[in-house]
N, C-alpha and C. Protein backbone atom coordinates (compact mmCIF):
# COMPACT_ATOMS: atom_id res chain seq x y z
N MET A 1 59.84 -49.57 -0.44
CA MET A 1 60.54 -50.63 -0.99
C MET A 1 60.12 -50.64 -2.48
N GLU A 2 59.63 -49.96 -2.90
CA GLU A 2 59.92 -49.82 -4.74
C GLU A 2 61.01 -49.41 -5.07
N ILE A 3 61.43 -48.58 -4.09
CA ILE A 3 62.37 -47.82 -4.35
C ILE A 3 63.92 -48.81 -4.53
N VAL A 4 63.95 -49.37 -3.53
CA VAL A 4 64.80 -50.05 -3.54
C VAL A 4 64.97 -51.43 -4.39
N ARG A 5 64.11 -51.91 -4.95
CA ARG A 5 63.67 -52.82 -5.56
C ARG A 5 64.13 -52.32 -7.14
N ALA A 6 63.70 -51.12 -7.48
CA ALA A 6 64.28 -50.25 -8.53
C ALA A 6 66.16 -50.33 -8.64
N MET A 7 66.70 -50.16 -6.83
CA MET A 7 67.68 -49.82 -6.98
C MET A 7 68.23 -51.55 -7.20
N GLN A 8 68.36 -51.83 -6.32
CA GLN A 8 68.77 -53.40 -6.62
C GLN A 8 68.76 -53.51 -8.17
N THR A 9 67.43 -53.61 -9.39
CA THR A 9 67.75 -53.83 -10.53
C THR A 9 68.58 -53.17 -11.39
N ILE A 10 69.16 -52.00 -10.83
CA ILE A 10 70.22 -51.37 -11.79
C ILE A 10 71.81 -51.49 -10.70
N SER A 11 71.71 -52.09 -9.17
CA SER A 11 72.77 -52.06 -9.01
C SER A 11 72.52 -52.79 -7.93
N PRO A 12 72.71 -54.46 -8.48
CA PRO A 12 72.61 -55.42 -7.09
C PRO A 12 73.57 -55.38 -6.33
N ASP A 13 74.46 -55.01 -6.37
CA ASP A 13 75.47 -54.99 -4.96
C ASP A 13 75.22 -53.90 -3.56
N THR A 14 74.30 -52.98 -4.11
CA THR A 14 74.22 -52.05 -3.39
C THR A 14 73.28 -52.66 -2.06
N GLN A 15 74.00 -52.14 -0.62
CA GLN A 15 73.08 -52.74 0.36
C GLN A 15 72.84 -51.72 1.25
N VAL A 16 71.47 -52.16 1.90
CA VAL A 16 70.73 -51.34 2.22
C VAL A 16 70.40 -51.71 4.12
N ILE A 17 70.21 -50.47 4.58
CA ILE A 17 70.23 -50.43 5.58
C ILE A 17 68.96 -48.99 6.02
N PHE A 18 68.11 -50.22 6.81
CA PHE A 18 66.80 -48.98 6.95
C PHE A 18 66.66 -48.15 8.05
N SER A 19 66.67 -46.67 8.46
CA SER A 19 66.27 -46.28 9.87
C SER A 19 65.02 -45.70 9.36
N THR A 20 64.58 -45.90 11.21
CA THR A 20 62.64 -45.45 10.56
C THR A 20 62.94 -45.67 12.17
N VAL A 21 61.12 -45.25 12.67
CA VAL A 21 60.27 -45.04 13.87
C VAL A 21 59.91 -46.08 14.09
N SER A 22 59.24 -47.59 13.09
CA SER A 22 58.67 -48.00 13.61
C SER A 22 59.31 -49.04 12.83
N THR A 23 58.28 -50.37 13.56
CA THR A 23 58.91 -51.88 12.86
C THR A 23 58.31 -52.48 11.89
N ASP A 24 57.27 -51.05 11.14
CA ASP A 24 55.83 -51.86 10.50
C ASP A 24 56.26 -52.26 9.39
N HIS A 25 57.38 -51.82 8.75
CA HIS A 25 57.92 -52.86 7.34
C HIS A 25 59.13 -53.60 7.16
N ALA A 26 59.69 -54.16 8.90
CA ALA A 26 60.87 -54.62 8.96
C ALA A 26 61.29 -56.48 7.87
N VAL A 27 60.05 -56.56 7.84
CA VAL A 27 59.52 -58.02 7.34
C VAL A 27 60.09 -57.59 5.64
N GLU A 28 59.26 -56.85 5.39
CA GLU A 28 59.72 -56.49 4.01
C GLU A 28 60.67 -55.84 3.30
N ALA A 29 61.47 -55.01 4.63
CA ALA A 29 62.55 -54.94 4.46
C ALA A 29 64.06 -56.39 4.30
N PHE A 30 63.94 -57.24 5.17
CA PHE A 30 64.34 -58.62 4.94
C PHE A 30 64.19 -59.29 3.48
N GLU A 31 63.13 -59.03 3.14
CA GLU A 31 62.66 -59.94 1.97
C GLU A 31 63.41 -59.05 0.60
N VAL A 32 63.56 -57.91 0.83
CA VAL A 32 64.56 -57.10 -0.16
C VAL A 32 65.98 -57.54 0.14
N ASN A 33 66.35 -58.18 1.01
CA ASN A 33 67.69 -58.27 1.77
C ASN A 33 68.86 -57.27 1.49
N ALA A 34 67.52 -56.15 2.82
CA ALA A 34 68.69 -55.19 4.15
C ALA A 34 69.25 -55.77 4.83
N ILE A 35 70.83 -55.20 5.29
CA ILE A 35 71.56 -55.61 5.47
C ILE A 35 71.41 -55.31 7.09
N GLY A 36 70.26 -53.86 7.28
CA GLY A 36 69.84 -54.47 8.60
C GLY A 36 68.61 -52.88 9.03
N TYR A 37 68.03 -53.38 9.64
CA TYR A 37 66.54 -52.16 10.07
C TYR A 37 66.82 -52.01 11.16
N LEU A 38 67.34 -50.34 11.81
CA LEU A 38 67.37 -49.50 12.55
C LEU A 38 66.09 -48.93 12.59
N VAL A 39 65.64 -49.16 14.69
CA VAL A 39 64.14 -48.05 14.69
C VAL A 39 64.73 -47.04 15.91
N LYS A 40 64.42 -45.98 15.48
CA LYS A 40 64.59 -45.16 16.29
C LYS A 40 64.58 -45.18 17.72
N PRO A 41 64.77 -44.91 19.03
CA PRO A 41 66.10 -44.35 18.98
C PRO A 41 67.12 -45.37 18.74
N TYR A 42 68.26 -45.27 18.53
CA TYR A 42 69.21 -46.62 17.99
C TYR A 42 70.67 -46.05 18.61
N SER A 43 71.58 -47.08 19.29
CA SER A 43 72.43 -46.35 19.97
C SER A 43 74.03 -46.68 19.18
N GLU A 44 74.96 -45.82 18.78
CA GLU A 44 76.31 -45.90 18.46
C GLU A 44 76.28 -47.62 18.18
N ALA A 45 76.05 -48.19 19.25
CA ALA A 45 76.97 -49.80 19.38
C ALA A 45 75.77 -50.24 18.04
N ASP A 46 74.35 -50.07 17.55
CA ASP A 46 73.55 -50.55 16.85
C ASP A 46 73.90 -50.19 15.74
N ILE A 47 74.46 -48.75 15.16
CA ILE A 47 75.09 -48.80 14.45
C ILE A 47 76.24 -49.32 13.68
N VAL A 48 77.52 -49.17 14.32
CA VAL A 48 78.41 -49.84 14.19
C VAL A 48 78.40 -51.43 13.82
N LYS A 49 77.22 -52.00 14.54
CA LYS A 49 77.11 -53.52 14.08
C LYS A 49 76.51 -53.42 13.17
N VAL A 50 75.33 -52.96 12.66
CA VAL A 50 75.21 -52.77 11.19
C VAL A 50 75.71 -52.48 10.37
N PHE A 51 76.76 -51.55 10.32
CA PHE A 51 77.81 -51.58 9.26
C PHE A 51 79.17 -52.18 9.83
N ALA A 52 79.12 -52.70 10.44
CA ALA A 52 80.39 -54.11 10.57
C ALA A 52 79.60 -55.59 9.72
N ARG A 53 78.46 -55.54 9.86
CA ARG A 53 77.73 -56.67 9.06
C ARG A 53 77.58 -56.39 7.70
N ALA A 54 77.82 -55.06 7.38
CA ALA A 54 77.67 -54.59 5.61
C ALA A 54 79.19 -54.75 4.97
N SER A 55 79.93 -54.63 6.11
CA SER A 55 81.63 -54.81 6.06
C SER A 55 81.81 -56.42 5.48
N VAL A 56 81.33 -56.93 6.43
CA VAL A 56 81.54 -58.31 5.92
C VAL A 56 80.98 -59.23 5.15
N ARG A 57 79.84 -58.35 4.87
CA ARG A 57 78.82 -59.03 3.61
C ARG A 57 79.90 -58.46 2.37
N ARG A 58 80.31 -57.32 2.09
CA ARG A 58 81.45 -56.92 1.06
C ARG A 58 82.21 -57.64 1.40
N GLU A 59 82.91 -57.93 1.90
CA GLU A 59 84.07 -58.24 1.90
C GLU A 59 83.88 -60.45 1.28
N ARG A 60 83.07 -60.90 1.53
CA ARG A 60 82.54 -61.82 1.04
C ARG A 60 82.17 -61.38 -0.41
N ALA A 61 81.35 -60.39 -0.60
CA ALA A 61 81.29 -60.59 -2.05
C ALA A 61 82.18 -60.29 -2.75
N ASN A 62 83.38 -59.75 -2.10
CA ASN A 62 84.43 -59.31 -3.12
C ASN A 62 85.23 -60.46 -3.56
N ASP A 63 84.97 -61.55 -2.51
CA ASP A 63 85.59 -62.78 -2.55
C ASP A 63 85.43 -63.68 -3.57
N ASN A 64 84.38 -63.42 -4.16
CA ASN A 64 83.76 -64.26 -5.45
C ASN A 64 83.56 -63.35 -6.71
N VAL A 65 83.87 -64.26 -7.82
CA VAL A 65 83.57 -64.08 -9.05
C VAL A 65 83.00 -65.01 -9.94
N LEU A 66 82.24 -64.29 -10.78
CA LEU A 66 80.69 -65.10 -11.48
C LEU A 66 81.33 -64.67 -13.01
N ILE A 67 81.49 -65.80 -13.69
CA ILE A 67 82.15 -65.75 -14.73
C ILE A 67 81.15 -65.96 -15.81
N GLN A 68 80.71 -65.49 -16.82
CA GLN A 68 79.44 -65.78 -17.87
C GLN A 68 79.71 -65.71 -19.28
N VAL A 69 79.87 -66.88 -20.09
CA VAL A 69 79.60 -67.13 -21.39
C VAL A 69 78.99 -67.57 -21.83
N GLY A 70 78.09 -66.79 -23.08
CA GLY A 70 77.03 -67.06 -23.24
C GLY A 70 76.19 -67.68 -22.26
N ASN A 71 75.65 -68.93 -22.28
CA ASN A 71 74.41 -69.41 -21.29
C ASN A 71 75.67 -69.86 -20.61
N ASP A 72 76.60 -70.48 -20.17
CA ASP A 72 77.28 -70.72 -19.79
C ASP A 72 77.44 -69.74 -18.08
N MET A 73 77.53 -70.07 -17.23
CA MET A 73 77.76 -69.05 -16.27
C MET A 73 78.36 -70.05 -14.43
N LYS A 74 79.29 -69.54 -13.92
CA LYS A 74 79.47 -70.58 -13.07
C LYS A 74 80.25 -69.24 -11.84
N LEU A 75 79.89 -69.18 -10.08
CA LEU A 75 80.32 -68.82 -9.73
C LEU A 75 81.55 -68.90 -9.04
N PHE A 76 82.31 -68.77 -8.71
CA PHE A 76 83.54 -69.30 -8.18
C PHE A 76 84.02 -68.51 -6.66
N ARG A 77 84.88 -68.90 -5.87
CA ARG A 77 85.31 -68.00 -4.80
C ARG A 77 86.75 -68.33 -4.99
N ASN A 78 86.92 -66.94 -4.97
CA ASN A 78 88.63 -66.69 -5.27
C ASN A 78 89.34 -67.53 -4.55
N ASN A 79 89.27 -68.21 -3.25
CA ASN A 79 89.93 -68.72 -2.77
C ASN A 79 90.26 -70.25 -3.16
N ASP A 80 89.27 -70.68 -3.71
CA ASP A 80 88.54 -72.10 -3.77
C ASP A 80 89.51 -72.25 -5.38
N VAL A 81 89.91 -71.53 -5.78
CA VAL A 81 90.46 -71.58 -7.37
C VAL A 81 92.01 -71.98 -7.34
N MET A 82 92.26 -73.17 -7.91
CA MET A 82 93.92 -73.65 -7.59
C MET A 82 94.88 -72.60 -8.80
N THR A 83 94.40 -72.85 -9.78
CA THR A 83 95.07 -72.69 -11.48
C THR A 83 94.18 -72.13 -12.52
N ILE A 84 94.42 -71.49 -13.10
CA ILE A 84 93.72 -70.94 -13.94
C ILE A 84 94.66 -71.30 -15.38
N GLU A 85 94.41 -71.81 -16.33
CA GLU A 85 95.05 -72.19 -17.78
C GLU A 85 94.16 -71.44 -19.20
N SER A 86 94.97 -71.10 -19.56
CA SER A 86 95.11 -71.11 -21.36
C SER A 86 94.92 -72.50 -22.43
N ASP A 87 94.52 -72.75 -22.62
CA ASP A 87 93.88 -73.91 -23.76
C ASP A 87 93.61 -73.47 -25.15
N ARG A 88 93.92 -72.91 -26.02
CA ARG A 88 94.05 -72.96 -27.32
C ARG A 88 93.29 -71.55 -26.97
N HIS A 89 91.77 -71.65 -27.97
CA HIS A 89 90.93 -70.86 -27.56
C HIS A 89 89.38 -70.79 -26.11
N TYR A 90 90.00 -71.43 -25.15
CA TYR A 90 89.65 -72.07 -24.01
C TYR A 90 90.38 -71.36 -22.89
N THR A 91 90.14 -71.56 -21.55
CA THR A 91 90.41 -71.19 -20.51
C THR A 91 89.79 -72.16 -19.45
N ASN A 92 90.98 -73.28 -18.37
CA ASN A 92 90.12 -73.99 -17.88
C ASN A 92 90.51 -73.63 -16.56
N ILE A 93 89.78 -73.73 -15.66
CA ILE A 93 89.57 -73.09 -14.18
C ILE A 93 89.79 -73.97 -13.24
N THR A 94 90.72 -74.44 -12.53
CA THR A 94 90.69 -76.12 -11.71
C THR A 94 90.44 -75.46 -10.13
N VAL A 95 89.55 -75.78 -9.49
CA VAL A 95 89.15 -75.75 -8.26
C VAL A 95 90.00 -76.71 -7.22
N ARG A 96 89.96 -76.68 -5.81
CA ARG A 96 90.47 -77.09 -4.70
C ARG A 96 90.42 -78.78 -4.72
N ASP A 97 89.03 -78.64 -5.23
CA ASP A 97 88.45 -80.64 -5.66
C ASP A 97 89.01 -81.36 -6.73
N GLY A 98 89.58 -80.32 -7.43
CA GLY A 98 90.59 -81.16 -8.88
C GLY A 98 89.43 -80.88 -9.68
N THR A 99 87.72 -80.20 -9.47
CA THR A 99 87.26 -79.91 -10.74
C THR A 99 87.66 -78.79 -12.06
N VAL A 100 87.52 -79.21 -13.21
CA VAL A 100 87.65 -78.02 -13.93
C VAL A 100 86.54 -77.93 -14.80
N LYS A 101 86.69 -76.39 -14.51
CA LYS A 101 85.05 -76.04 -15.70
C LYS A 101 86.00 -74.98 -16.39
N ARG A 102 85.51 -75.35 -17.82
CA ARG A 102 85.90 -74.76 -18.96
C ARG A 102 85.16 -74.19 -19.88
N PHE A 103 85.92 -73.12 -20.17
CA PHE A 103 84.95 -71.45 -20.99
C PHE A 103 85.25 -71.26 -22.25
N HIS A 104 84.94 -70.72 -22.96
CA HIS A 104 85.05 -70.50 -24.13
C HIS A 104 85.27 -69.07 -24.40
N THR A 105 86.80 -68.63 -23.86
CA THR A 105 86.92 -67.42 -23.42
C THR A 105 88.39 -67.52 -23.53
N GLY A 106 88.62 -66.48 -23.71
CA GLY A 106 90.48 -65.98 -23.63
C GLY A 106 91.12 -65.91 -22.14
N PHE A 107 92.06 -66.10 -22.09
CA PHE A 107 92.69 -66.45 -20.93
C PHE A 107 92.92 -64.88 -20.18
N SER A 108 93.40 -64.20 -21.03
CA SER A 108 93.79 -62.68 -20.54
C SER A 108 91.79 -61.71 -20.65
N GLU A 109 90.87 -62.58 -20.61
CA GLU A 109 89.84 -61.83 -20.15
C GLU A 109 89.34 -62.60 -19.18
N ILE A 110 89.82 -63.57 -18.61
CA ILE A 110 89.23 -63.84 -17.24
C ILE A 110 90.31 -63.88 -16.35
N LEU A 111 91.80 -64.06 -16.28
CA LEU A 111 92.72 -63.76 -15.14
C LEU A 111 92.55 -62.52 -14.57
N PRO A 112 92.17 -61.11 -15.00
CA PRO A 112 91.56 -60.11 -14.10
C PRO A 112 90.87 -59.93 -13.43
N LEU A 113 90.25 -60.90 -13.54
CA LEU A 113 88.69 -61.20 -12.52
C LEU A 113 89.43 -61.69 -11.16
N PHE A 114 90.10 -62.14 -11.28
CA PHE A 114 90.80 -62.75 -10.04
C PHE A 114 91.93 -62.39 -9.43
N LYS A 115 91.79 -61.89 -7.86
CA LYS A 115 92.82 -61.50 -7.17
C LYS A 115 93.67 -62.86 -6.40
N GLY A 116 95.09 -61.83 -6.19
CA GLY A 116 96.15 -63.19 -5.68
C GLY A 116 96.51 -64.06 -6.74
N PHE A 117 96.27 -63.83 -8.08
CA PHE A 117 97.13 -64.69 -9.05
C PHE A 117 98.44 -64.44 -9.31
N ILE A 118 99.19 -65.29 -9.90
CA ILE A 118 100.14 -65.03 -10.65
C ILE A 118 101.01 -65.85 -11.60
N GLU A 119 101.28 -65.45 -13.41
CA GLU A 119 101.06 -66.31 -14.22
C GLU A 119 102.47 -66.45 -14.04
N ILE A 120 102.95 -67.89 -14.13
CA ILE A 120 104.53 -68.23 -13.73
C ILE A 120 104.86 -68.83 -15.05
N ASN A 121 104.13 -69.00 -16.50
CA ASN A 121 104.10 -69.49 -17.66
C ASN A 121 103.38 -68.88 -18.62
N ARG A 122 103.33 -68.92 -19.76
CA ARG A 122 102.96 -68.14 -20.34
C ARG A 122 101.39 -69.14 -20.51
N GLY A 123 100.09 -68.36 -20.00
CA GLY A 123 99.17 -69.18 -20.07
C GLY A 123 98.64 -70.03 -18.68
N LEU A 124 99.50 -69.71 -18.09
CA LEU A 124 99.32 -70.51 -16.63
C LEU A 124 99.65 -69.71 -15.38
N ALA A 125 98.30 -69.37 -14.52
CA ALA A 125 98.89 -68.48 -13.32
C ALA A 125 97.89 -69.51 -12.52
N VAL A 126 98.60 -69.65 -11.05
CA VAL A 126 98.75 -70.02 -9.61
C VAL A 126 98.26 -68.92 -8.79
N ASN A 127 97.48 -69.85 -8.08
CA ASN A 127 96.55 -69.20 -6.76
C ASN A 127 97.85 -68.59 -6.21
N MET A 128 98.16 -67.50 -5.54
CA MET A 128 99.43 -67.29 -4.55
C MET A 128 99.22 -67.83 -3.27
N SER A 129 97.53 -67.70 -2.86
CA SER A 129 97.22 -68.44 -1.36
C SER A 129 97.21 -70.25 -1.41
N CYS A 130 97.08 -70.52 -2.75
CA CYS A 130 97.39 -71.99 -2.62
C CYS A 130 99.09 -72.17 -2.85
N ILE A 131 99.94 -71.51 -3.16
CA ILE A 131 101.39 -72.04 -3.21
C ILE A 131 102.29 -72.34 -1.73
N ASP A 132 102.41 -73.85 -2.20
CA ASP A 132 103.17 -74.81 -0.68
C ASP A 132 104.31 -74.68 -0.94
N MET A 133 105.05 -74.22 -1.92
CA MET A 133 106.24 -73.54 -1.80
C MET A 133 106.99 -73.60 -3.33
N ILE A 134 107.58 -73.10 -3.32
CA ILE A 134 108.99 -72.60 -4.48
C ILE A 134 110.54 -73.16 -4.21
N LYS A 135 110.34 -73.78 -4.93
CA LYS A 135 111.85 -74.32 -5.25
C LYS A 135 112.65 -74.55 -6.41
N SER A 136 113.93 -74.05 -6.49
CA SER A 136 114.30 -73.82 -7.83
C SER A 136 113.72 -73.24 -8.71
N SER A 137 113.20 -73.94 -9.83
CA SER A 137 112.36 -73.10 -10.64
C SER A 137 110.68 -73.71 -10.53
N VAL A 138 110.23 -74.45 -9.72
CA VAL A 138 109.22 -75.17 -9.78
C VAL A 138 108.25 -74.78 -8.73
N VAL A 139 106.88 -74.62 -9.13
CA VAL A 139 106.06 -74.08 -7.86
C VAL A 139 105.43 -75.47 -7.47
N THR A 140 105.35 -75.69 -6.34
CA THR A 140 104.37 -76.75 -6.02
C THR A 140 103.08 -75.94 -5.15
N MET A 141 101.91 -76.70 -5.40
CA MET A 141 100.68 -76.03 -5.11
C MET A 141 100.43 -77.32 -3.54
N CYS A 142 99.56 -76.60 -2.88
CA CYS A 142 99.31 -77.12 -1.97
C CYS A 142 98.24 -78.45 -2.06
N ASP A 143 97.91 -78.80 -3.40
CA ASP A 143 97.16 -80.04 -3.81
C ASP A 143 99.10 -81.18 -3.96
N GLY A 144 99.73 -80.54 -4.02
CA GLY A 144 101.31 -81.41 -4.43
C GLY A 144 101.44 -81.64 -5.85
N LYS A 145 100.67 -80.77 -6.75
CA LYS A 145 101.07 -80.67 -7.93
C LYS A 145 102.05 -79.50 -8.42
N SER A 146 102.86 -80.02 -9.25
CA SER A 146 103.92 -78.81 -9.24
C SER A 146 104.05 -78.45 -10.62
N TYR A 147 103.92 -77.32 -11.12
CA TYR A 147 104.42 -76.88 -12.11
C TYR A 147 105.59 -75.63 -12.50
N LYS A 148 106.02 -75.85 -13.48
CA LYS A 148 107.40 -75.34 -13.88
C LYS A 148 107.10 -73.50 -14.18
N ILE A 149 108.28 -73.03 -13.79
CA ILE A 149 108.15 -71.08 -13.76
C ILE A 149 109.33 -71.03 -15.19
N ALA A 150 108.51 -70.45 -15.84
CA ALA A 150 109.21 -69.95 -16.89
C ALA A 150 110.38 -69.04 -16.41
N ARG A 151 111.58 -69.67 -17.79
CA ARG A 151 113.27 -68.90 -17.38
C ARG A 151 113.36 -67.28 -16.77
N GLY A 152 111.96 -66.78 -18.12
CA GLY A 152 112.20 -65.21 -17.78
C GLY A 152 111.12 -64.96 -16.53
N ARG A 153 110.48 -65.47 -16.47
CA ARG A 153 109.33 -65.11 -14.94
C ARG A 153 109.73 -65.56 -13.46
N LYS A 154 111.11 -66.10 -13.11
CA LYS A 154 111.06 -66.83 -11.92
C LYS A 154 111.58 -65.90 -10.78
N ASP A 155 112.01 -64.88 -11.35
CA ASP A 155 112.50 -63.50 -10.25
C ASP A 155 111.02 -62.23 -9.61
N GLU A 156 110.75 -62.53 -10.91
CA GLU A 156 109.26 -61.54 -10.62
C GLU A 156 107.99 -62.81 -9.83
N VAL A 157 108.27 -63.90 -10.29
CA VAL A 157 107.19 -64.72 -9.49
C VAL A 157 108.18 -64.66 -7.97
N VAL A 158 108.86 -64.95 -7.54
CA VAL A 158 110.01 -65.55 -6.09
C VAL A 158 109.63 -64.25 -5.60
N ALA A 159 109.57 -62.54 -6.16
CA ALA A 159 109.47 -61.54 -5.70
C ALA A 159 107.94 -61.30 -5.43
N ARG A 160 106.91 -61.59 -6.39
CA ARG A 160 105.31 -61.53 -6.20
C ARG A 160 105.34 -62.07 -4.91
N TYR A 161 105.60 -63.72 -4.74
CA TYR A 161 105.74 -64.17 -3.92
C TYR A 161 105.41 -63.81 -2.50
N THR A 162 106.57 -63.56 -2.28
CA THR A 162 107.27 -63.10 -1.18
C THR A 162 106.93 -61.80 -0.57
N GLU A 163 106.37 -61.02 -1.76
CA GLU A 163 105.63 -59.61 -1.07
C GLU A 163 104.25 -59.94 -0.90
N PHE A 164 103.30 -61.10 -1.19
CA PHE A 164 102.09 -61.70 -0.75
C PHE A 164 102.29 -62.12 0.34
N VAL A 165 103.44 -63.14 0.55
CA VAL A 165 103.52 -63.67 1.96
C VAL A 165 103.49 -63.09 3.50
N LEU A 166 104.41 -61.58 2.56
CA LEU A 166 104.75 -60.95 3.84
C LEU A 166 103.45 -59.96 4.22
N ARG A 167 102.80 -59.85 2.89
CA ARG A 167 101.28 -59.13 3.63
C ARG A 167 100.34 -59.93 4.15
N GLN A 168 100.58 -60.95 4.13
CA GLN A 168 99.41 -61.98 5.11
C GLN A 168 100.15 -62.20 6.28
N ASN A 169 101.04 -61.55 6.71
CA ASN A 169 101.66 -61.89 7.80
C ASN A 169 101.31 -60.43 9.00
């Protein structure tokens, strides 16, 4: 268990699966957040099940974005974020419930942390999974808010959104 704890200090996202001949350390294994505890003899189905669980956990972890600026720290679920907007030396992140979290850091530092966003105007990116429609030069979000697309970005926004929608289906 000491090795697992040391490893988690270095790489907290590493997932651990124990394979052993006894259940003696099962409780300790789950105290260190092990994904699975396989006791020999185990079947192929047991292995598949534990690796499926690891895969689901990995996907969920990849869907989260942790932002820390100074003492300010916030965990966001990528799909809950509607917009990311620059406001001088700050970046505002708006989530589905309308809450806005403000960080004293640059837009260009925060935007790459999120997946599925497109910058529709200088300093304004929207989550493509939250777009309700694009009509003319306006993006309407699923909460009803509308944002104008910059003239020079309209073709790129429409093309990327179309590609995004086709990939989802």
